[in-house]
Amino acid sequence: MKVLIPSPLHSYTGERWVDADGTTLAELLADLDRRYPGIRFRVVDEQDRLRGHMRFFVNSEQIFDLYHPLRPSDEVVLVQALSGG
């Protein structure tokens, strides 16, 4: 499936859109990490929770559960929130 990678993580992928496989978001992240080592740690913390500044959207719907089921036709968008003042 197609995955949109936020600009701050392009150093891992070298591309804006990448392909990845998985039947859940957790599996998708594992596949992304196999293809682009280190990217998963930027999205998920040591307790397997989404980092506070990361958001997942599947087919334009925000998803919070790493075990949310995915279909090969889904479009996944990772968004990295900006903070500061």
N, C-alpha and C. Protein backbone atom coordinates (compact mmCIF):
# COMPACT_ATOMS: atom_id res chain seq x y z
N MET A 1 0.84 -1.18 0.00
CA MET A 1 0.00 0.00 0.00
C MET A 1 0.88 1.24 0.00
N LYS A 2 0.31 2.35 -0.38
CA LYS A 2 1.04 3.61 -0.43
C LYS A 2 1.05 4.27 0.94
N VAL A 3 2.22 4.81 1.32
CA VAL A 3 2.39 5.49 2.60
C VAL A 3 3.05 6.83 2.33
N LEU A 4 2.41 7.90 2.82
CA LEU A 4 2.98 9.24 2.70
C LEU A 4 3.86 9.50 3.92
N ILE A 5 5.10 9.83 3.69
CA ILE A 5 6.08 10.05 4.75
C ILE A 5 6.24 11.55 4.97
N PRO A 6 6.20 12.02 6.24
CA PRO A 6 6.37 13.45 6.48
C PRO A 6 7.80 13.90 6.16
N SER A 7 7.93 15.16 5.78
CA SER A 7 9.23 15.72 5.36
C SER A 7 10.37 15.43 6.33
N PRO A 8 10.17 15.56 7.67
CA PRO A 8 11.30 15.31 8.57
C PRO A 8 11.84 13.87 8.53
N LEU A 9 11.06 12.94 7.96
CA LEU A 9 11.52 11.55 7.89
C LEU A 9 12.02 11.16 6.50
N HIS A 10 12.06 12.12 5.58
CA HIS A 10 12.57 11.83 4.24
C HIS A 10 14.03 11.40 4.25
N SER A 11 14.76 11.75 5.30
CA SER A 11 16.16 11.32 5.37
C SER A 11 16.26 9.80 5.46
N TYR A 12 15.20 9.14 5.92
CA TYR A 12 15.18 7.67 5.98
C TYR A 12 14.80 7.08 4.64
N THR A 13 13.79 7.66 3.99
CA THR A 13 13.23 7.05 2.79
C THR A 13 13.76 7.64 1.50
N GLY A 14 14.14 8.91 1.53
CA GLY A 14 14.55 9.58 0.31
C GLY A 14 13.40 9.91 -0.61
N GLU A 15 12.19 9.58 -0.19
CA GLU A 15 11.01 9.79 -1.02
C GLU A 15 9.84 10.24 -0.16
N ARG A 16 8.89 10.87 -0.83
CA ARG A 16 7.67 11.32 -0.15
C ARG A 16 6.67 10.19 0.00
N TRP A 17 6.46 9.43 -1.05
CA TRP A 17 5.56 8.27 -1.04
C TRP A 17 6.38 7.00 -1.14
N VAL A 18 6.06 6.02 -0.31
CA VAL A 18 6.74 4.72 -0.35
C VAL A 18 5.69 3.61 -0.32
N ASP A 19 6.10 2.43 -0.69
CA ASP A 19 5.24 1.25 -0.60
C ASP A 19 5.61 0.47 0.65
N ALA A 20 4.61 -0.13 1.28
CA ALA A 20 4.84 -0.98 2.45
C ALA A 20 3.70 -1.98 2.55
N ASP A 21 3.94 -3.05 3.29
CA ASP A 21 2.95 -4.11 3.48
C ASP A 21 2.65 -4.28 4.95
N GLY A 22 1.46 -4.81 5.24
CA GLY A 22 1.08 -5.12 6.60
C GLY A 22 -0.43 -5.21 6.72
N THR A 23 -0.89 -6.05 7.63
CA THR A 23 -2.33 -6.18 7.84
C THR A 23 -2.81 -5.30 8.99
N THR A 24 -1.85 -4.68 9.72
CA THR A 24 -2.15 -3.71 10.77
C THR A 24 -1.13 -2.59 10.67
N LEU A 25 -1.39 -1.49 11.37
CA LEU A 25 -0.40 -0.42 11.38
C LEU A 25 0.91 -0.89 11.99
N ALA A 26 0.85 -1.73 13.03
CA ALA A 26 2.06 -2.26 13.65
C ALA A 26 2.90 -3.04 12.63
N GLU A 27 2.25 -3.89 11.84
CA GLU A 27 2.96 -4.65 10.81
C GLU A 27 3.50 -3.73 9.72
N LEU A 28 2.74 -2.71 9.37
CA LEU A 28 3.18 -1.74 8.38
C LEU A 28 4.46 -1.04 8.85
N LEU A 29 4.48 -0.63 10.13
CA LEU A 29 5.67 0.02 10.68
C LEU A 29 6.86 -0.93 10.70
N ALA A 30 6.61 -2.19 11.01
CA ALA A 30 7.70 -3.18 11.00
C ALA A 30 8.27 -3.33 9.59
N ASP A 31 7.38 -3.34 8.58
CA ASP A 31 7.84 -3.45 7.20
C ASP A 31 8.60 -2.20 6.79
N LEU A 32 8.10 -1.02 7.17
CA LEU A 32 8.83 0.21 6.88
C LEU A 32 10.21 0.19 7.51
N ASP A 33 10.31 -0.33 8.74
CA ASP A 33 11.60 -0.38 9.43
C ASP A 33 12.56 -1.36 8.76
N ARG A 34 12.04 -2.44 8.19
CA ARG A 34 12.90 -3.37 7.43
C ARG A 34 13.45 -2.68 6.18
N ARG A 35 12.60 -1.90 5.54
CA ARG A 35 13.01 -1.23 4.31
C ARG A 35 13.86 0.02 4.58
N TYR A 36 13.53 0.72 5.69
CA TYR A 36 14.18 1.98 6.04
C TYR A 36 14.57 1.93 7.52
N PRO A 37 15.66 1.26 7.85
CA PRO A 37 16.04 1.04 9.25
C PRO A 37 16.06 2.33 10.07
N GLY A 38 15.43 2.25 11.25
CA GLY A 38 15.40 3.36 12.18
C GLY A 38 14.14 4.21 12.13
N ILE A 39 13.35 4.08 11.07
CA ILE A 39 12.18 4.94 10.93
C ILE A 39 11.12 4.64 11.99
N ARG A 40 10.97 3.38 12.36
CA ARG A 40 9.93 3.02 13.33
C ARG A 40 10.14 3.73 14.67
N PHE A 41 11.37 3.82 15.11
CA PHE A 41 11.66 4.44 16.40
C PHE A 41 11.30 5.92 16.40
N ARG A 42 11.26 6.55 15.26
CA ARG A 42 10.85 7.96 15.16
C ARG A 42 9.34 8.12 15.27
N VAL A 43 8.60 7.01 15.08
CA VAL A 43 7.13 7.05 15.09
C VAL A 43 6.56 6.45 16.36
N VAL A 44 7.19 5.38 16.86
CA VAL A 44 6.68 4.62 18.01
C VAL A 44 7.74 4.62 19.11
N ASP A 45 7.30 4.78 20.37
CA ASP A 45 8.26 4.81 21.48
C ASP A 45 8.60 3.41 21.98
N GLU A 46 9.37 3.34 23.05
CA GLU A 46 9.83 2.06 23.60
C GLU A 46 8.70 1.20 24.16
N GLN A 47 7.56 1.80 24.45
CA GLN A 47 6.40 1.07 24.97
C GLN A 47 5.39 0.75 23.86
N ASP A 48 5.83 0.83 22.63
CA ASP A 48 4.98 0.57 21.46
C ASP A 48 3.75 1.46 21.41
N ARG A 49 3.93 2.73 21.77
CA ARG A 49 2.87 3.73 21.65
C ARG A 49 3.30 4.76 20.63
N LEU A 50 2.32 5.29 19.93
CA LEU A 50 2.64 6.36 18.99
C LEU A 50 3.25 7.52 19.75
N ARG A 51 4.28 8.09 19.21
CA ARG A 51 4.87 9.28 19.83
C ARG A 51 3.85 10.41 19.77
N GLY A 52 3.89 11.29 20.76
CA GLY A 52 2.90 12.34 20.89
C GLY A 52 2.79 13.28 19.71
N HIS A 53 3.85 13.41 18.94
CA HIS A 53 3.84 14.33 17.80
C HIS A 53 3.53 13.65 16.48
N MET A 54 3.22 12.36 16.50
CA MET A 54 2.92 11.62 15.27
C MET A 54 1.43 11.30 15.18
N ARG A 55 0.90 11.35 13.97
CA ARG A 55 -0.49 11.00 13.71
C ARG A 55 -0.54 10.09 12.50
N PHE A 56 -1.48 9.13 12.54
CA PHE A 56 -1.74 8.24 11.42
C PHE A 56 -3.12 8.53 10.86
N PHE A 57 -3.20 8.56 9.55
CA PHE A 57 -4.49 8.66 8.88
C PHE A 57 -4.55 7.52 7.87
N VAL A 58 -5.65 6.78 7.91
CA VAL A 58 -5.88 5.71 6.96
C VAL A 58 -7.13 6.10 6.17
N ASN A 59 -6.94 6.30 4.88
CA ASN A 59 -8.04 6.75 4.02
C ASN A 59 -8.72 7.99 4.61
N SER A 60 -7.92 8.93 5.04
CA SER A 60 -8.34 10.24 5.59
C SER A 60 -8.97 10.17 6.97
N GLU A 61 -8.99 9.02 7.62
CA GLU A 61 -9.54 8.89 8.98
C GLU A 61 -8.38 8.73 9.97
N GLN A 62 -8.37 9.58 11.02
CA GLN A 62 -7.29 9.49 12.00
C GLN A 62 -7.44 8.20 12.80
N ILE A 63 -6.33 7.48 12.96
CA ILE A 63 -6.31 6.19 13.65
C ILE A 63 -5.32 6.28 14.81
N PHE A 64 -5.72 5.77 15.97
CA PHE A 64 -4.88 5.81 17.16
C PHE A 64 -4.38 4.42 17.57
N ASP A 65 -4.97 3.38 17.03
CA ASP A 65 -4.69 2.00 17.42
C ASP A 65 -3.67 1.38 16.46
N LEU A 66 -2.52 0.96 16.98
CA LEU A 66 -1.51 0.33 16.12
C LEU A 66 -1.98 -1.00 15.55
N TYR A 67 -3.04 -1.56 16.10
CA TYR A 67 -3.54 -2.84 15.61
C TYR A 67 -4.78 -2.68 14.74
N HIS A 68 -4.99 -1.46 14.27
CA HIS A 68 -6.06 -1.18 13.32
C HIS A 68 -5.80 -1.98 12.05
N PRO A 69 -6.80 -2.72 11.56
CA PRO A 69 -6.58 -3.53 10.36
C PRO A 69 -6.42 -2.67 9.10
N LEU A 70 -5.59 -3.16 8.21
CA LEU A 70 -5.33 -2.49 6.94
C LEU A 70 -5.63 -3.43 5.78
N ARG A 71 -5.98 -2.83 4.65
CA ARG A 71 -6.18 -3.56 3.39
C ARG A 71 -5.12 -3.07 2.40
N PRO A 72 -4.74 -3.90 1.45
CA PRO A 72 -3.72 -3.49 0.47
C PRO A 72 -4.10 -2.22 -0.31
N SER A 73 -5.38 -1.94 -0.44
CA SER A 73 -5.82 -0.76 -1.19
C SER A 73 -5.83 0.52 -0.36
N ASP A 74 -5.54 0.43 0.95
CA ASP A 74 -5.57 1.61 1.83
C ASP A 74 -4.44 2.58 1.50
N GLU A 75 -4.70 3.84 1.81
CA GLU A 75 -3.68 4.86 1.72
C GLU A 75 -3.39 5.34 3.14
N VAL A 76 -2.14 5.26 3.55
CA VAL A 76 -1.74 5.63 4.90
C VAL A 76 -0.90 6.90 4.84
N VAL A 77 -1.24 7.85 5.71
CA VAL A 77 -0.52 9.11 5.77
C VAL A 77 0.02 9.29 7.17
N LEU A 78 1.31 9.48 7.28
CA LEU A 78 1.93 9.81 8.56
C LEU A 78 2.08 11.32 8.61
N VAL A 79 1.68 11.91 9.73
CA VAL A 79 1.79 13.34 9.90
C VAL A 79 2.60 13.62 11.15
N GLN A 80 3.55 14.49 11.04
CA GLN A 80 4.35 14.88 12.19
C GLN A 80 3.92 16.29 12.59
N ALA A 81 3.37 16.40 13.80
CA ALA A 81 2.88 17.69 14.29
C ALA A 81 4.06 18.61 14.56
N LEU A 82 3.82 19.88 14.40
CA LEU A 82 4.82 20.90 14.71
C LEU A 82 4.49 21.50 16.06
N SER A 83 5.50 21.87 16.79
CA SER A 83 5.27 22.50 18.09
C SER A 83 6.27 23.65 18.25
N GLY A 84 6.04 24.39 19.27
CA GLY A 84 6.94 25.52 19.51
C GLY A 84 6.14 26.80 19.63
N GLY A 85 6.83 27.87 19.72
CA GLY A 85 6.08 29.11 19.85
C GLY A 85 6.84 30.31 19.37
